[in-house]
Structures are given as C-alpha cells and as structure tokens.
Amino acid sequence: MIRSISEAEIARVLSYERLIPAMERALSDFSAGDVIQPVRTMLTVEEEQRFLVIMPAVTENAMGAKLVSLYPKNAAQNLPTHPACIALFEPATGQPLAFMDGRLITEMRTAAVSAAVTRRCAPSGALVLALLGSGVQARAHLQALRVVRAFAQVRVWSPTPAHAERFAHAHGAHAMALEAAVRDADIIVTATSAREPLLRGAWLKSGAHVNAIGACRPNWRELDDAAMCGSTLIVDSREAAVSESGDVMLSRAPIFAEAGELFAGIRRVAPGATTVFKSVGLAVEDLVTARLVYDALGA
C-alpha cells in the first residue's frame, strides 16, 4: 500500500539535528557522481509569475520526484509560494512507497544545506546574523543556523518594514535598514523575491559568509557583481548553477567548489575567505529527506 504522509507527520519526525548531516551525505554523493539526477525541468505557466518544476533523482536508498510550483504572487494572498509534493519509490524494486507533502521538506532541506555549508565556511566565532527577507526561509534559516552557530545578535530586513518588525518581535531579532543590517555581519542570508541585486559586495566585511537562497531564475539576482566576484563561490551543483542562477550566470563569477566537495574534504576554503553559497536546490536533497521521513515514521 502506498502511504500518504502529511505535513503534520513530517513536522513530527524531521529535525535539523538529523537533517543537516543527512544533507552533507547526500551532496557528497551527488558531487562524487553517485546520484542520477538531471537539471530540473521548469515549465512556464505565466512568464515571470507562475512555474511548474519537475525534479527527479535516484540515489542508493531513495528514488522518485518532486513536483513544485513556483508562484511568487501567492505571498500577497498569504499562500505558500512553493507548494510541492514528493513521490517516493524503493530504488531496489521500483515499488512506490509514499506520496508526501513537499512544502515543509523543501523549506527545511534548503535551510539545512545552508547550515551545513555555513559550518564549513563561516568563522567559528561568528556572532552576528543578518537575514534579508522575513518570510518562510528567513525563519527556517534562523532555526537551522542556530544549530551550527550561537549568535549574539540577529538582524532582519524586509522590503516591507512592517514584516521585518513582526519577524523581529517573534524571533528576538532587530529590524534594520538594508545596508546597516549587512555591515559587520558575520553571516548573511538572502531569502527574497528580488529580481535585481540588493546585496552589495562593498557592504560585506572580510571573512563574511553569504547564503544566497532566492533568485532561482537565469535573469533574477540578489547579489551584485562585487559580492559574487569578490568572494569564494560555492554552489550545490555546477551544472544547475550555470543554467539556472542569474547571480552566477550574469556575474560570470568563477565557481570554487560544489558543497559536496567541501563535505567530502576534496576542496577546502582558505581561512578568513569571504564566501558565498549560491543555492538553487536539488532533487537529491528532497528525495533523501523524504526517505529520512519515511523511515522515521516506520512506514
């Protein structure tokens, strides 16, 4: 029998403490060539506004696909901008195992990968976190990054000041202007719906680490050329980054390493380097997380 797994069930068993190391293993396998995964297919429903994304992958223990819709305009209706579902199969037999909600999995695996990269790149004494954006991914990154670093101050900026104030009140952060939030921050997360660069490289302190989460289209950007080209650039997938990420494609910044190469010890970031992790999100992250949930539920 194929099990249907709800978001509530996923939330009950999925934690960052388990998910972060699982993402390290998944991306190490991906960079080693042990994962079958094409670059995702993105169907345009409405130009620049509505997309359907198809993301299949096969690993040793998980096989299947995620279907996710990218609807930025949903935010104005207080609806998820990335609703998704995941079909999980047993790779040894090809039998379907479960059909599960993908929204929370997408949210948590994205933040978990950023936390894993941050642990490798950001200084151990990082104390100041700046969140650019105040939505779902800002909250998820705050939760995940607190697993790998202890912050003395959390700053938040939003293009809608009231949203930043609300986030700050809920999470013990400080709502600030954009440049002020970035200046002297040790770790910065860009999780916005920006189409043009909003983070300036001139604002970054030496040795800062940036997790760039938004701008998932070839013509969308969150970071300017100075931020991209003046930093050591890490991506989750070279192939995906050079075909999907406007920040990478338009800046022509050289890619230093895939995250999986860092996790496997193949590449090492120089001490004190300013770093940018450009995340586009990979199907292997979704399928490994889905299998983790399936096994934890004893399905």
C-alpha atoms as a PDB file:
ATOM      1  CA  MET A   1       0.000   0.000   0.000  1.00  0.00           C
ATOM      2  CA  ILE A   2       1.280   3.456  -0.901  1.00  0.00           C
ATOM      3  CA  ARG A   3       1.320   5.642   2.191  1.00  0.00           C
ATOM      4  CA  SER A   4       0.158   9.269   2.132  1.00  0.00           C
ATOM      5  CA  ILE A   5       2.236  11.412   4.501  1.00  0.00           C
ATOM      6  CA  SER A   6       1.022  14.828   5.638  1.00  0.00           C
ATOM      7  CA  GLU A   7       2.993  17.914   6.595  1.00  0.00           C
ATOM      8  CA  ALA A   8       1.980  17.388  10.231  1.00  0.00           C
ATOM      9  CA  GLU A   9       3.524  13.904  10.219  1.00  0.00           C
ATOM     10  CA  ILE A  10       6.695  15.253   8.612  1.00  0.00           C
ATOM     11  CA  ALA A  11       6.986  18.026  11.209  1.00  0.00           C
ATOM     12  CA  ARG A  12       6.727  15.465  13.993  1.00  0.00           C
ATOM     13  CA  VAL A  13       9.822  13.479  12.952  1.00  0.00           C
ATOM     14  CA  LEU A  14      12.047  15.863  10.963  1.00  0.00           C
ATOM     15  CA  SER A  15      14.686  17.853  12.868  1.00  0.00           C
ATOM     16  CA  TYR A  16      17.660  19.930  11.785  1.00  0.00           C
ATOM     17  CA  GLU A  17      19.939  17.905  14.039  1.00  0.00           C
ATOM     18  CA  ARG A  18      19.249  14.843  11.844  1.00  0.00           C
ATOM     19  CA  LEU A  19      18.706  16.655   8.559  1.00  0.00           C
ATOM     20  CA  ILE A  20      21.944  18.660   8.396  1.00  0.00           C
ATOM     21  CA  PRO A  21      24.257  15.603   8.399  1.00  0.00           C
ATOM     22  CA  ALA A  22      21.884  13.818   6.000  1.00  0.00           C
ATOM     23  CA  MET A  23      22.250  16.718   3.542  1.00  0.00           C
ATOM     24  CA  GLU A  24      26.030  16.575   3.864  1.00  0.00           C
ATOM     25  CA  ARG A  25      25.994  12.898   2.889  1.00  0.00           C
ATOM     26  CA  ALA A  26      23.522  13.485   0.057  1.00  0.00           C
ATOM     27  CA  LEU A  27      25.559  16.269  -1.516  1.00  0.00           C
ATOM     28  CA  SER A  28      28.825  14.380  -1.050  1.00  0.00           C
ATOM     29  CA  ASP A  29      27.261  11.506  -3.013  1.00  0.00           C
ATOM     30  CA  PHE A  30      25.988  13.945  -5.643  1.00  0.00           C
ATOM     31  CA  SER A  31      29.404  15.533  -6.199  1.00  0.00           C
ATOM     32  CA  ALA A  32      31.017  12.079  -6.300  1.00  0.00           C
ATOM     33  CA  GLY A  33      28.745  11.111  -9.194  1.00  0.00           C
ATOM     34  CA  ASP A  34      26.770   8.548  -7.200  1.00  0.00           C
ATOM     35  CA  VAL A  35      23.383  10.209  -7.820  1.00  0.00           C
ATOM     36  CA  ILE A  36      21.357  10.058 -11.031  1.00  0.00           C
ATOM     37  CA  GLN A  37      19.794  13.479 -11.432  1.00  0.00           C
ATOM     38  CA  PRO A  38      19.158  15.747 -14.427  1.00  0.00           C
ATOM     39  CA  VAL A  39      18.871  19.502 -14.140  1.00  0.00           C
ATOM     40  CA  ARG A  40      15.272  20.171 -13.179  1.00  0.00           C
ATOM     41  CA  THR A  41      12.664  20.981 -15.799  1.00  0.00           C
ATOM     42  CA  MET A  42      10.842  24.281 -15.293  1.00  0.00           C
ATOM     43  CA  LEU A  43       7.625  24.827 -17.233  1.00  0.00           C
ATOM     44  CA  THR A  44       6.467  28.424 -17.585  1.00  0.00           C
ATOM     45  CA  VAL A  45       2.754  28.758 -16.851  1.00  0.00           C
ATOM     46  CA  GLU A  46       2.832  32.567 -16.845  1.00  0.00           C
ATOM     47  CA  GLU A  47       6.028  34.410 -17.766  1.00  0.00           C
ATOM     48  CA  GLU A  48       7.892  35.622 -14.664  1.00  0.00           C
ATOM     49  CA  GLN A  49       4.919  34.755 -12.415  1.00  0.00           C
ATOM     50  CA  ARG A  50       3.910  31.067 -12.436  1.00  0.00           C
ATOM     51  CA  PHE A  51       6.068  27.966 -12.959  1.00  0.00           C
ATOM     52  CA  LEU A  52       5.796  24.201 -12.543  1.00  0.00           C
ATOM     53  CA  VAL A  53       9.083  22.491 -11.656  1.00  0.00           C
ATOM     54  CA  ILE A  54       9.817  18.759 -12.101  1.00  0.00           C
ATOM     55  CA  MET A  55      12.728  17.341 -10.072  1.00  0.00           C
ATOM     56  CA  PRO A  56      13.565  13.593 -10.310  1.00  0.00           C
ATOM     57  CA  ALA A  57      16.525  11.815  -8.697  1.00  0.00           C
ATOM     58  CA  VAL A  58      17.810   8.330  -7.883  1.00  0.00           C
ATOM     59  CA  THR A  59      20.155   7.512  -5.014  1.00  0.00           C
ATOM     60  CA  GLU A  60      21.168   4.215  -3.420  1.00  0.00           C
ATOM     61  CA  ASN A  61      18.280   4.393  -0.935  1.00  0.00           C
ATOM     62  CA  ALA A  62      15.766   6.796  -2.460  1.00  0.00           C
ATOM     63  CA  MET A  63      14.148   7.252  -5.848  1.00  0.00           C
ATOM     64  CA  GLY A  64      11.357   9.495  -7.027  1.00  0.00           C
ATOM     65  CA  ALA A  65      10.495  13.041  -7.954  1.00  0.00           C
ATOM     66  CA  LYS A  66       9.274  16.299  -6.534  1.00  0.00           C
ATOM     67  CA  LEU A  67       6.700  18.451  -8.272  1.00  0.00           C
ATOM     68  CA  VAL A  68       6.819  22.024  -7.022  1.00  0.00           C
ATOM     69  CA  SER A  69       5.029  25.127  -8.227  1.00  0.00           C
ATOM     70  CA  LEU A  70       6.774  28.487  -8.001  1.00  0.00           C
ATOM     71  CA  TYR A  71       4.099  31.162  -7.554  1.00  0.00           C
ATOM     72  CA  PRO A  72       5.662  34.365  -6.145  1.00  0.00           C
ATOM     73  CA  LYS A  73       2.330  36.185  -6.251  1.00  0.00           C
ATOM     74  CA  ASN A  74       0.895  33.770  -3.669  1.00  0.00           C
ATOM     75  CA  ALA A  75       2.643  35.757  -0.933  1.00  0.00           C
ATOM     76  CA  ALA A  76       0.116  38.568  -1.369  1.00  0.00           C
ATOM     77  CA  GLN A  77      -2.684  36.075  -0.620  1.00  0.00           C
ATOM     78  CA  ASN A  78      -0.877  34.586   2.390  1.00  0.00           C
ATOM     79  CA  LEU A  79      -0.442  31.309   0.494  1.00  0.00           C
ATOM     80  CA  PRO A  80       2.772  29.256   0.139  1.00  0.00           C
ATOM     81  CA  THR A  81       4.885  30.411  -2.788  1.00  0.00           C
ATOM     82  CA  HIS A  82       6.422  26.922  -3.221  1.00  0.00           C
ATOM     83  CA  PRO A  83       3.666  24.299  -2.715  1.00  0.00           C
ATOM     84  CA  ALA A  84       5.004  20.839  -3.532  1.00  0.00           C
ATOM     85  CA  CYS A  85       4.519  17.096  -3.364  1.00  0.00           C
ATOM     86  CA  ILE A  86       7.011  14.228  -3.464  1.00  0.00           C
ATOM     87  CA  ALA A  87       6.578  10.699  -4.826  1.00  0.00           C
ATOM     88  CA  LEU A  88       8.988   8.259  -3.131  1.00  0.00           C
ATOM     89  CA  PHE A  89       9.931   4.872  -4.638  1.00  0.00           C
ATOM     90  CA  GLU A  90      12.086   1.964  -3.441  1.00  0.00           C
ATOM     91  CA  PRO A  91      15.091   2.015  -5.809  1.00  0.00           C
ATOM     92  CA  ALA A  92      15.862  -1.719  -5.470  1.00  0.00           C
ATOM     93  CA  THR A  93      12.437  -2.871  -6.654  1.00  0.00           C
ATOM     94  CA  GLY A  94      10.908   0.225  -8.256  1.00  0.00           C
ATOM     95  CA  GLN A  95       7.870  -0.067  -5.981  1.00  0.00           C
ATOM     96  CA  PRO A  96       6.158   3.176  -4.919  1.00  0.00           C
ATOM     97  CA  LEU A  97       6.389   3.742  -1.171  1.00  0.00           C
ATOM     98  CA  ALA A  98       4.787   7.067  -0.341  1.00  0.00           C
ATOM     99  CA  PHE A  99       3.259  10.231  -1.612  1.00  0.00           C
ATOM    100  CA  MET A 100       4.006  13.120   0.721  1.00  0.00           C
ATOM    101  CA  ASP A 101       3.598  16.836   1.149  1.00  0.00           C
ATOM    102  CA  GLY A 102       6.715  18.621  -0.088  1.00  0.00           C
ATOM    103  CA  ARG A 103       6.326  22.146   1.253  1.00  0.00           C
ATOM    104  CA  LEU A 104       7.956  21.602   4.653  1.00  0.00           C
ATOM    105  CA  ILE A 105      10.589  19.290   3.196  1.00  0.00           C
ATOM    106  CA  THR A 106      11.567  21.998   0.712  1.00  0.00           C
ATOM    107  CA  GLU A 107      11.689  24.584   3.476  1.00  0.00           C
ATOM    108  CA  MET A 108      13.800  22.523   5.871  1.00  0.00           C
ATOM    109  CA  ARG A 109      16.206  20.871   3.436  1.00  0.00           C
ATOM    110  CA  THR A 110      17.062  24.282   1.937  1.00  0.00           C
ATOM    111  CA  ALA A 111      17.953  25.712   5.334  1.00  0.00           C
ATOM    112  CA  ALA A 112      19.751  22.521   6.385  1.00  0.00           C
ATOM    113  CA  VAL A 113      22.058  22.661   3.342  1.00  0.00           C
ATOM    114  CA  SER A 114      22.862  26.318   4.089  1.00  0.00           C
ATOM    115  CA  ALA A 115      23.647  25.402   7.692  1.00  0.00           C
ATOM    116  CA  ALA A 116      25.949  22.600   6.582  1.00  0.00           C
ATOM    117  CA  VAL A 117      27.851  24.917   4.224  1.00  0.00           C
ATOM    118  CA  THR A 118      27.953  27.637   6.885  1.00  0.00           C
ATOM    119  CA  ARG A 119      29.570  25.210   9.307  1.00  0.00           C
ATOM    120  CA  ARG A 120      32.394  24.695   6.772  1.00  0.00           C
ATOM    121  CA  CYS A 121      32.793  28.322   5.689  1.00  0.00           C
ATOM    122  CA  ALA A 122      31.824  30.797   8.421  1.00  0.00           C
ATOM    123  CA  PRO A 123      34.261  31.598  11.235  1.00  0.00           C
ATOM    124  CA  SER A 124      33.637  29.614  14.411  1.00  0.00           C
ATOM    125  CA  GLY A 125      33.293  32.868  16.320  1.00  0.00           C
ATOM    126  CA  ALA A 126      30.533  34.247  14.075  1.00  0.00           C
ATOM    127  CA  LEU A 127      28.173  36.220  16.299  1.00  0.00           C
ATOM    128  CA  VAL A 128      26.058  38.437  14.024  1.00  0.00           C
ATOM    129  CA  LEU A 129      23.472  37.049  11.599  1.00  0.00           C
ATOM    130  CA  ALA A 130      21.688  39.243   9.044  1.00  0.00           C
ATOM    131  CA  LEU A 131      18.514  37.947   7.409  1.00  0.00           C
ATOM    132  CA  LEU A 132      17.443  39.738   4.233  1.00  0.00           C
ATOM    133  CA  GLY A 133      13.822  38.715   3.892  1.00  0.00           C
ATOM    134  CA  SER A 134      11.342  37.911   6.630  1.00  0.00           C
ATOM    135  CA  GLY A 135       9.356  35.000   5.228  1.00  0.00           C
ATOM    136  CA  VAL A 136       9.431  31.221   5.480  1.00  0.00           C
ATOM    137  CA  GLN A 137      13.078  30.801   4.502  1.00  0.00           C
ATOM    138  CA  ALA A 138      14.257  33.535   6.859  1.00  0.00           C
ATOM    139  CA  ARG A 139      12.597  31.709   9.746  1.00  0.00           C
ATOM    140  CA  ALA A 140      13.886  28.308   8.629  1.00  0.00           C
ATOM    141  CA  HIS A 141      17.434  29.598   8.220  1.00  0.00           C
ATOM    142  CA  LEU A 142      17.371  31.168  11.658  1.00  0.00           C
ATOM    143  CA  GLN A 143      16.361  27.807  13.147  1.00  0.00           C
ATOM    144  CA  ALA A 144      18.894  25.778  11.147  1.00  0.00           C
ATOM    145  CA  LEU A 145      21.822  28.169  11.569  1.00  0.00           C
ATOM    146  CA  ARG A 146      21.309  28.214  15.326  1.00  0.00           C
ATOM    147  CA  VAL A 147      22.187  24.510  15.272  1.00  0.00           C
ATOM    148  CA  VAL A 148      25.695  25.251  13.921  1.00  0.00           C
ATOM    149  CA  ARG A 149      26.418  28.718  15.380  1.00  0.00           C
ATOM    150  CA  ALA A 150      25.486  30.673  18.508  1.00  0.00           C
ATOM    151  CA  PHE A 151      24.505  34.244  17.647  1.00  0.00           C
ATOM    152  CA  ALA A 152      24.748  37.252  19.904  1.00  0.00           C
ATOM    153  CA  GLN A 153      22.647  39.341  17.522  1.00  0.00           C
ATOM    154  CA  VAL A 154      20.150  38.599  14.761  1.00  0.00           C
ATOM    155  CA  ARG A 155      19.249  41.357  12.314  1.00  0.00           C
ATOM    156  CA  VAL A 156      16.401  41.331   9.833  1.00  0.00           C
ATOM    157  CA  TRP A 157      15.482  43.488   6.855  1.00  0.00           C
ATOM    158  CA  SER A 158      12.452  43.304   4.603  1.00  0.00           C
ATOM    159  CA  PRO A 159      11.302  45.478   1.705  1.00  0.00           C
ATOM    160  CA  THR A 160       8.119  45.755   3.770  1.00  0.00           C
ATOM    161  CA  PRO A 161       9.254  47.280   7.096  1.00  0.00           C
ATOM    162  CA  ALA A 162       6.165  46.047   8.949  1.00  0.00           C
ATOM    163  CA  HIS A 163       7.065  42.476   8.052  1.00  0.00           C
ATOM    164  CA  ALA A 164      10.586  42.934   9.419  1.00  0.00           C
ATOM    165  CA  GLU A 165       9.202  44.385  12.646  1.00  0.00           C
ATOM    166  CA  ARG A 166       6.814  41.466  13.020  1.00  0.00           C
ATOM    167  CA  PHE A 167       9.620  38.939  12.423  1.00  0.00           C
ATOM    168  CA  ALA A 168      11.892  40.749  14.869  1.00  0.00           C
ATOM    169  CA  HIS A 169       9.233  40.707  17.575  1.00  0.00           C
ATOM    170  CA  ALA A 170       8.552  36.990  17.069  1.00  0.00           C
ATOM    171  CA  HIS A 171      12.184  35.867  16.988  1.00  0.00           C
ATOM    172  CA  GLY A 172      14.127  38.257  19.208  1.00  0.00           C
ATOM    173  CA  ALA A 173      15.782  39.984  16.255  1.00  0.00           C
ATOM    174  CA  HIS A 174      16.487  43.614  15.396  1.00  0.00           C
ATOM    175  CA  ALA A 175      14.731  45.140  12.378  1.00  0.00           C
ATOM    176  CA  MET A 176      17.207  47.324  10.495  1.00  0.00           C
ATOM    177  CA  ALA A 177      17.770  49.164   7.239  1.00  0.00           C
ATOM    178  CA  LEU A 178      19.307  47.067   4.455  1.00  0.00           C
ATOM    179  CA  GLU A 179      22.885  48.344   4.429  1.00  0.00           C
ATOM    180  CA  ALA A 180      23.038  48.637   8.217  1.00  0.00           C
ATOM    181  CA  ALA A 181      21.894  45.019   8.592  1.00  0.00           C
ATOM    182  CA  VAL A 182      24.680  43.757   6.324  1.00  0.00           C
ATOM    183  CA  ARG A 183      27.563  45.917   7.555  1.00  0.00           C
ATOM    184  CA  ASP A 184      29.774  43.977  10.013  1.00  0.00           C
ATOM    185  CA  ALA A 185      27.507  40.899   9.911  1.00  0.00           C
ATOM    186  CA  ASP A 186      29.362  37.592  10.030  1.00  0.00           C
ATOM    187  CA  ILE A 187      26.700  35.550   8.238  1.00  0.00           C
ATOM    188  CA  ILE A 188      24.116  36.915   5.793  1.00  0.00           C
ATOM    189  CA  VAL A 189      21.125  35.110   4.315  1.00  0.00           C
ATOM    190  CA  THR A 190      19.397  36.492   1.226  1.00  0.00           C
ATOM    191  CA  ALA A 191      15.962  34.909   1.022  1.00  0.00           C
ATOM    192  CA  THR A 192      13.954  37.377  -1.020  1.00  0.00           C
ATOM    193  CA  SER A 193      11.856  37.637  -4.167  1.00  0.00           C
ATOM    194  CA  ALA A 194      14.280  40.198  -5.635  1.00  0.00           C
ATOM    195  CA  ARG A 195      14.733  40.340  -9.392  1.00  0.00           C
ATOM    196  CA  GLU A 196      17.609  42.888  -9.211  1.00  0.00           C
ATOM    197  CA  PRO A 197      20.679  42.887  -6.915  1.00  0.00           C
ATOM    198  CA  LEU A 198      20.022  44.168  -3.405  1.00  0.00           C
ATOM    199  CA  LEU A 199      23.159  42.961  -1.576  1.00  0.00           C
ATOM    200  CA  ARG A 200      26.272  44.999  -2.396  1.00  0.00           C
ATOM    201  CA  GLY A 201      29.701  43.455  -2.120  1.00  0.00           C
ATOM    202  CA  ALA A 202      31.037  46.745  -0.774  1.00  0.00           C
ATOM    203  CA  TRP A 203      28.975  46.171   2.380  1.00  0.00           C
ATOM    204  CA  LEU A 204      30.465  42.752   3.206  1.00  0.00           C
ATOM    205  CA  LYS A 205      33.093  42.536   5.915  1.00  0.00           C
ATOM    206  CA  SER A 206      36.184  40.485   5.130  1.00  0.00           C
ATOM    207  CA  GLY A 207      35.555  36.861   6.059  1.00  0.00           C
ATOM    208  CA  ALA A 208      31.757  37.127   5.959  1.00  0.00           C
ATOM    209  CA  HIS A 209      29.693  34.220   4.654  1.00  0.00           C
ATOM    210  CA  VAL A 210      26.566  34.659   2.499  1.00  0.00           C
ATOM    211  CA  ASN A 211      23.862  32.051   1.913  1.00  0.00           C
ATOM    212  CA  ALA A 212      22.069  33.216  -1.262  1.00  0.00           C
ATOM    213  CA  ILE A 213      18.713  31.444  -1.457  1.00  0.00           C
ATOM    214  CA  GLY A 214      16.431  33.484  -3.747  1.00  0.00           C
ATOM    215  CA  ALA A 215      16.779  34.463  -7.423  1.00  0.00           C
ATOM    216  CA  CYS A 216      16.235  30.991  -8.871  1.00  0.00           C
ATOM    217  CA  ARG A 217      15.815  32.136 -12.492  1.00  0.00           C
ATOM    218  CA  PRO A 218      18.535  32.941 -15.067  1.00  0.00           C
ATOM    219  CA  ASN A 219      17.507  36.623 -15.177  1.00  0.00           C
ATOM    220  CA  TRP A 220      16.884  37.159 -11.436  1.00  0.00           C
ATOM    221  CA  ARG A 221      19.524  38.345  -8.980  1.00  0.00           C
ATOM    222  CA  GLU A 222      20.022  39.125  -5.290  1.00  0.00           C
ATOM    223  CA  LEU A 223      23.799  39.854  -5.216  1.00  0.00           C
ATOM    224  CA  ASP A 224      25.761  42.375  -7.273  1.00  0.00           C
ATOM    225  CA  ASP A 225      28.905  41.586  -9.255  1.00  0.00           C
ATOM    226  CA  ALA A 226      31.189  42.780  -6.453  1.00  0.00           C
ATOM    227  CA  ALA A 227      29.622  40.351  -3.993  1.00  0.00           C
ATOM    228  CA  MET A 228      29.760  37.443  -6.436  1.00  0.00           C
ATOM    229  CA  CYS A 229      33.188  38.030  -7.963  1.00  0.00           C
ATOM    230  CA  GLY A 230      34.858  39.247  -4.785  1.00  0.00           C
ATOM    231  CA  SER A 231      34.056  36.077  -2.841  1.00  0.00           C
ATOM    232  CA  THR A 232      34.887  32.389  -2.908  1.00  0.00           C
ATOM    233  CA  LEU A 233      31.829  30.908  -4.617  1.00  0.00           C
ATOM    234  CA  ILE A 234      30.312  27.579  -3.600  1.00  0.00           C
ATOM    235  CA  VAL A 235      27.272  26.070  -5.337  1.00  0.00           C
ATOM    236  CA  ASP A 236      25.193  22.953  -4.778  1.00  0.00           C
ATOM    237  CA  SER A 237      25.545  21.931  -8.442  1.00  0.00           C
ATOM    238  CA  ARG A 238      27.846  23.426 -11.069  1.00  0.00           C
ATOM    239  CA  GLU A 239      25.585  22.235 -13.887  1.00  0.00           C
ATOM    240  CA  ALA A 240      22.477  23.718 -12.304  1.00  0.00           C
ATOM    241  CA  ALA A 241      24.129  26.977 -11.241  1.00  0.00           C
ATOM    242  CA  VAL A 242      25.373  27.840 -14.734  1.00  0.00           C
ATOM    243  CA  SER A 243      21.964  27.198 -16.288  1.00  0.00           C
ATOM    244  CA  GLU A 244      19.560  28.431 -13.593  1.00  0.00           C
ATOM    245  CA  SER A 245      21.167  31.072 -11.376  1.00  0.00           C
ATOM    246  CA  GLY A 246      21.165  34.663 -12.590  1.00  0.00           C
ATOM    247  CA  ASP A 247      23.615  35.571  -9.830  1.00  0.00           C
ATOM    248  CA  VAL A 248      26.152  33.110 -11.250  1.00  0.00           C
ATOM    249  CA  MET A 249      25.372  33.454 -14.953  1.00  0.00           C
ATOM    250  CA  LEU A 250      25.200  37.242 -15.201  1.00  0.00           C
ATOM    251  CA  SER A 251      28.168  37.967 -12.913  1.00  0.00           C
ATOM    252  CA  ARG A 252      30.299  35.251 -14.544  1.00  0.00           C
ATOM    253  CA  ALA A 253      31.810  34.590 -11.141  1.00  0.00           C
ATOM    254  CA  PRO A 254      34.128  31.564 -11.081  1.00  0.00           C
ATOM    255  CA  ILE A 255      32.846  28.584  -9.089  1.00  0.00           C
ATOM    256  CA  PHE A 256      35.337  27.363  -6.499  1.00  0.00           C
ATOM    257  CA  ALA A 257      33.567  24.200  -5.393  1.00  0.00           C
ATOM    258  CA  GLU A 258      30.345  22.295  -5.015  1.00  0.00           C
ATOM    259  CA  ALA A 259      29.101  21.943  -1.463  1.00  0.00           C
ATOM    260  CA  GLY A 260      29.536  18.177  -1.700  1.00  0.00           C
ATOM    261  CA  GLU A 261      33.242  18.652  -2.421  1.00  0.00           C
ATOM    262  CA  LEU A 262      33.582  20.627   0.802  1.00  0.00           C
ATOM    263  CA  PHE A 263      31.744  17.959   2.788  1.00  0.00           C
ATOM    264  CA  ALA A 264      33.919  15.199   1.319  1.00  0.00           C
ATOM    265  CA  GLY A 265      37.133  17.142   2.042  1.00  0.00           C
ATOM    266  CA  ILE A 266      38.048  17.388  -1.651  1.00  0.00           C
ATOM    267  CA  ARG A 267      38.105  21.207  -1.588  1.00  0.00           C
ATOM    268  CA  ARG A 268      38.789  23.495   1.384  1.00  0.00           C
ATOM    269  CA  VAL A 269      38.001  27.174   1.737  1.00  0.00           C
ATOM    270  CA  ALA A 270      41.003  29.293   2.724  1.00  0.00           C
ATOM    271  CA  PRO A 271      40.847  30.552   6.327  1.00  0.00           C
ATOM    272  CA  GLY A 272      39.437  34.069   6.503  1.00  0.00           C
ATOM    273  CA  ALA A 273      37.979  33.985   2.988  1.00  0.00           C
ATOM    274  CA  THR A 274      34.766  35.830   2.202  1.00  0.00           C
ATOM    275  CA  THR A 275      32.385  33.195   0.880  1.00  0.00           C
ATOM    276  CA  VAL A 276      29.085  32.961  -0.993  1.00  0.00           C
ATOM    277  CA  PHE A 277      26.972  29.818  -1.174  1.00  0.00           C
ATOM    278  CA  LYS A 278      24.549  30.059  -4.079  1.00  0.00           C
ATOM    279  CA  SER A 279      21.733  27.570  -3.525  1.00  0.00           C
ATOM    280  CA  VAL A 280      19.419  26.535  -6.344  1.00  0.00           C
ATOM    281  CA  GLY A 281      18.056  23.422  -4.620  1.00  0.00           C
ATOM    282  CA  LEU A 282      18.486  19.830  -5.828  1.00  0.00           C
ATOM    283  CA  ALA A 283      16.142  16.880  -6.166  1.00  0.00           C
ATOM    284  CA  VAL A 284      18.576  14.647  -4.275  1.00  0.00           C
ATOM    285  CA  GLU A 285      18.033  16.843  -1.216  1.00  0.00           C
ATOM    286  CA  ASP A 286      14.282  16.316  -1.428  1.00  0.00           C
ATOM    287  CA  LEU A 287      14.419  12.563  -2.007  1.00  0.00           C
ATOM    288  CA  VAL A 288      16.951  11.882   0.750  1.00  0.00           C
ATOM    289  CA  THR A 289      14.842  13.958   3.138  1.00  0.00           C
ATOM    290  CA  ALA A 290      11.698  12.121   2.060  1.00  0.00           C
ATOM    291  CA  ARG A 291      13.376   8.769   2.743  1.00  0.00           C
ATOM    292  CA  LEU A 292      14.536  10.030   6.140  1.00  0.00           C
ATOM    293  CA  VAL A 293      10.927  10.917   6.978  1.00  0.00           C
ATOM    294  CA  TYR A 294       9.558   7.626   5.628  1.00  0.00           C
ATOM    295  CA  ASP A 295      11.983   5.574   7.709  1.00  0.00           C
ATOM    296  CA  ALA A 296      11.446   7.688  10.837  1.00  0.00           C
ATOM    297  CA  LEU A 297       7.697   7.086  10.615  1.00  0.00           C
ATOM    298  CA  GLY A 298       8.260   3.351  10.305  1.00  0.00           C
ATOM    299  CA  ALA A 299       6.158   3.365   7.181  1.00  0.00           C
END
